[in-house]
Amino acid sequence: MRCVPTGSCFSAILRKLSRSPNVIFFFNAMTVVEQIVPVEDISPRYEGYRRETLTLTWEERRQGHGKRRSDAGLEFAISLPGGTVLKGGDCMILEPERTIVRIQEAPEPVYIVRPKTPQEWASYAYHVGNRHQQVMIGDTELIFLQNPAVRSLFEQLHVPFETGERPFTAALANVGHSH
C-alpha cells in the first residue's frame, strides 16, 4: 500500500486493518481547546466546573498547538489561532470534562540587570536585541532568560547582573523578522 504522508495515509491503513477480524480498534477521544477566555470573563454558568491549573514556561506559552497535561494530570489538546501567546490568568474551558484550566506562568532561571542611566537602558537592550535574545522590561530592571550567549555578552561588556527565578514574558516577539 502506497500513500503520501498525509491523513490519507492513515485512512488507507485503517481501511486495510479494518478488513482483518483480529484487529481491535481503540481510540481515546481528546478534547481540543480552540479559544482562550480571560479569567474575568468566565460566566456564572461554569460555577460547578472543576478548576485546574496548567503551569507553562515562556516557550510553552508561545506554542498554540499540541497536547497538554494539566498540573493535576488532565490531558487535552490545544489548537489556538496563529500568534496566540498564553499568559497567566488565561483560561481554557473543557466542556466534556466540566473543567476550567487556568494558565500559570512558570518561574524560569533569569538574569536581572538594573540599568542606572537611560544610556545603560538603551545600550543593554540594544546589545541583547542585536543578538536576537528576548528581553522582559520591568520598571527598574531588564530580565533575560538564562543562556550561555547572554551570560557571555554580559561578561564581555562588563554588565552587572544577578541571577534569579521568576515568570518570564518577552516584551516583543520578532514575528517575521530576518536579516
Protein backbone atom coordinates (compact mmCIF):
# COMPACT_ATOMS: atom_id res chain seq x y z
CA MET A 1 0.00 0.00 0.00
CA ARG A 2 1.47 3.36 -1.04
CA CYS A 3 0.27 6.75 0.09
CA VAL A 4 1.58 10.22 0.61
CA PRO A 5 2.44 11.24 4.20
CA THR A 6 -0.89 12.89 4.97
CA GLY A 7 -4.16 12.00 6.64
CA SER A 8 -4.96 9.88 3.57
CA CYS A 9 -2.14 7.51 4.55
CA PHE A 10 -3.68 6.97 7.98
CA SER A 11 -7.10 6.40 6.37
CA ALA A 12 -5.63 3.82 3.99
CA ILE A 13 -4.02 1.94 6.87
CA LEU A 14 -7.29 1.95 8.82
CA ARG A 15 -9.21 0.59 5.81
CA LYS A 16 -6.70 -2.23 5.39
CA LEU A 17 -6.70 -3.08 9.12
CA SER A 18 -10.49 -2.95 9.38
CA ARG A 19 -10.73 -5.90 6.97
CA SER A 20 -8.83 -8.08 9.43
CA PRO A 21 -11.01 -9.91 12.00
CA ASN A 22 -8.13 -9.98 14.52
CA VAL A 23 -7.75 -6.20 14.88
CA ILE A 24 -9.45 -4.33 17.70
CA PHE A 25 -9.62 -0.54 17.44
CA PHE A 26 -9.44 1.65 20.48
CA PHE A 27 -9.27 5.39 20.04
CA ASN A 28 -9.28 7.67 23.02
CA ALA A 29 -11.09 10.89 22.17
CA MET A 30 -9.38 14.03 23.43
CA THR A 31 -10.91 17.44 23.99
CA VAL A 32 -9.44 20.13 21.74
CA VAL A 33 -9.47 23.71 23.04
CA GLU A 34 -9.67 26.33 20.29
CA GLN A 35 -10.11 29.55 22.25
CA ILE A 36 -8.90 31.26 25.39
CA VAL A 37 -11.14 33.03 27.89
CA PRO A 38 -9.72 35.65 30.29
CA VAL A 39 -10.46 34.64 33.90
CA GLU A 40 -12.60 37.77 34.40
CA ASP A 41 -14.87 36.67 31.52
CA ILE A 42 -15.76 33.26 32.98
CA SER A 43 -19.53 33.35 33.30
CA PRO A 44 -21.50 32.09 36.32
CA ARG A 45 -22.78 29.19 34.20
CA TYR A 46 -19.40 27.49 34.84
CA GLU A 47 -19.72 27.76 38.62
CA GLY A 48 -19.91 23.99 39.11
CA TYR A 49 -16.90 23.24 36.91
CA ARG A 50 -13.76 21.79 38.45
CA ARG A 51 -10.76 24.16 38.47
CA GLU A 52 -7.27 23.07 37.45
CA THR A 53 -4.05 24.82 36.51
CA LEU A 54 -1.53 24.40 33.72
CA THR A 55 1.93 25.79 34.51
CA LEU A 56 3.92 26.68 31.38
CA THR A 57 7.27 28.27 30.54
CA TRP A 58 7.54 31.22 28.15
CA GLU A 59 8.33 28.94 25.19
CA GLU A 60 5.45 26.60 26.05
CA ARG A 61 3.04 29.56 26.28
CA ARG A 62 4.00 30.54 22.72
CA GLN A 63 3.06 27.13 21.28
CA GLY A 64 -0.56 27.29 20.15
CA HIS A 65 -0.92 23.68 19.06
CA GLY A 66 -0.30 20.33 20.69
CA LYS A 67 -1.13 18.01 23.52
CA ARG A 68 -1.16 19.38 27.07
CA ARG A 69 -1.47 17.90 30.55
CA SER A 70 -2.80 20.00 33.43
CA ASP A 71 -0.84 20.12 36.68
CA ALA A 72 -3.34 17.56 38.04
CA GLY A 73 -2.89 15.23 35.03
CA LEU A 74 -5.89 16.01 32.80
CA GLU A 75 -4.91 15.54 29.15
CA PHE A 76 -6.31 17.67 26.34
CA ALA A 77 -5.14 19.32 23.13
CA ILE A 78 -4.97 22.94 22.05
CA SER A 79 -5.37 24.39 18.57
CA LEU A 80 -5.29 28.15 19.03
CA PRO A 81 -5.30 30.88 16.39
CA GLY A 82 -1.86 31.73 14.98
CA GLY A 83 0.12 34.18 17.08
CA THR A 84 -1.72 33.39 20.32
CA VAL A 85 0.54 33.71 23.36
CA LEU A 86 -0.89 32.38 26.62
CA LYS A 87 -0.50 34.49 29.75
CA GLY A 88 -1.15 33.93 33.42
CA GLY A 89 -4.87 34.04 34.12
CA ASP A 90 -5.96 32.85 30.67
CA CYS A 91 -8.49 30.04 30.93
CA MET A 92 -9.46 27.09 28.78
CA ILE A 93 -12.92 25.62 29.15
CA LEU A 94 -13.10 21.85 28.69
CA GLU A 95 -16.85 21.27 28.36
CA PRO A 96 -16.87 17.43 28.24
CA GLU A 97 -14.74 17.27 31.40
CA ARG A 98 -16.67 20.12 33.09
CA THR A 99 -13.29 21.67 33.90
CA ILE A 100 -11.71 25.10 33.61
CA VAL A 101 -7.94 25.06 33.24
CA ARG A 102 -6.18 28.31 34.21
CA ILE A 103 -2.73 29.16 32.87
CA GLN A 104 0.06 29.85 35.33
CA GLU A 105 3.41 31.26 34.26
CA ALA A 106 6.25 29.00 35.41
CA PRO A 107 9.22 30.57 37.21
CA GLU A 108 12.30 30.28 35.00
CA PRO A 109 16.03 30.93 35.51
CA VAL A 110 16.73 34.55 34.51
CA TYR A 111 19.40 37.22 34.52
CA ILE A 112 18.35 40.52 36.09
CA VAL A 113 20.04 43.75 35.02
CA ARG A 114 19.30 47.06 36.74
CA PRO A 115 20.43 49.90 34.46
CA LYS A 116 21.20 53.16 36.26
CA THR A 117 21.03 55.64 33.37
CA PRO A 118 18.96 55.98 30.18
CA GLN A 119 22.15 55.24 28.22
CA GLU A 120 22.60 51.93 30.06
CA TRP A 121 18.95 51.02 29.40
CA ALA A 122 19.42 51.66 25.69
CA SER A 123 22.84 50.01 25.46
CA TYR A 124 21.89 46.81 27.28
CA ALA A 125 18.63 46.38 25.38
CA TYR A 126 20.36 47.13 22.06
CA HIS A 127 23.21 44.64 22.52
CA VAL A 128 20.97 41.81 23.65
CA GLY A 129 18.34 42.55 20.98
CA ASN A 130 21.03 42.70 18.31
CA ARG A 131 21.76 39.06 19.17
CA HIS A 132 18.06 38.19 18.87
CA GLN A 133 17.73 37.39 22.55
CA GLN A 134 14.42 38.12 24.26
CA VAL A 135 14.02 40.70 26.99
CA MET A 136 11.36 41.42 29.57
CA ILE A 137 11.21 45.08 30.55
CA GLY A 138 10.36 45.95 34.14
CA ASP A 139 10.03 49.33 35.82
CA THR A 140 13.58 49.23 37.20
CA GLU A 141 15.15 46.22 35.51
CA LEU A 142 15.69 44.24 32.35
CA ILE A 143 15.13 40.49 32.63
CA PHE A 144 16.63 37.91 30.27
CA LEU A 145 16.22 34.13 30.12
CA GLN A 146 19.43 32.47 31.23
CA ASN A 147 21.54 31.08 28.42
CA PRO A 148 25.28 30.97 27.69
CA ALA A 149 25.12 33.58 24.90
CA VAL A 150 23.55 36.23 27.14
CA ARG A 151 25.91 35.47 30.02
CA SER A 152 28.93 35.71 27.72
CA LEU A 153 27.68 39.03 26.35
CA PHE A 154 27.22 40.47 29.84
CA GLU A 155 30.70 39.35 30.83
CA GLN A 156 32.27 40.83 27.66
CA LEU A 157 30.51 44.18 28.17
CA HIS A 158 31.04 44.15 31.96
CA VAL A 159 27.30 44.42 32.56
CA PRO A 160 26.46 43.85 36.24
CA PHE A 161 23.73 41.22 36.61
CA GLU A 162 22.12 38.92 39.14
CA THR A 163 20.58 35.52 38.65
CA GLY A 164 17.11 34.69 39.83
CA GLU A 165 13.97 32.78 39.08
CA ARG A 166 10.67 34.33 38.00
CA PRO A 167 7.98 34.03 35.34
CA PHE A 168 9.22 35.43 32.01
CA THR A 169 7.24 37.15 29.27
CA ALA A 170 9.24 38.79 26.49
CA ALA A 171 8.45 42.40 25.64
CA LEU A 172 8.11 41.90 21.89
CA ALA A 173 8.10 38.98 19.53
CA ASN A 174 10.07 39.47 16.31
CA VAL A 175 7.44 37.86 14.12
CA GLY A 176 8.73 37.58 10.58
CA HIS A 177 11.99 39.38 11.43
CA SER A 178 15.00 38.46 9.35
CA HIS A 179 18.28 39.87 8.04
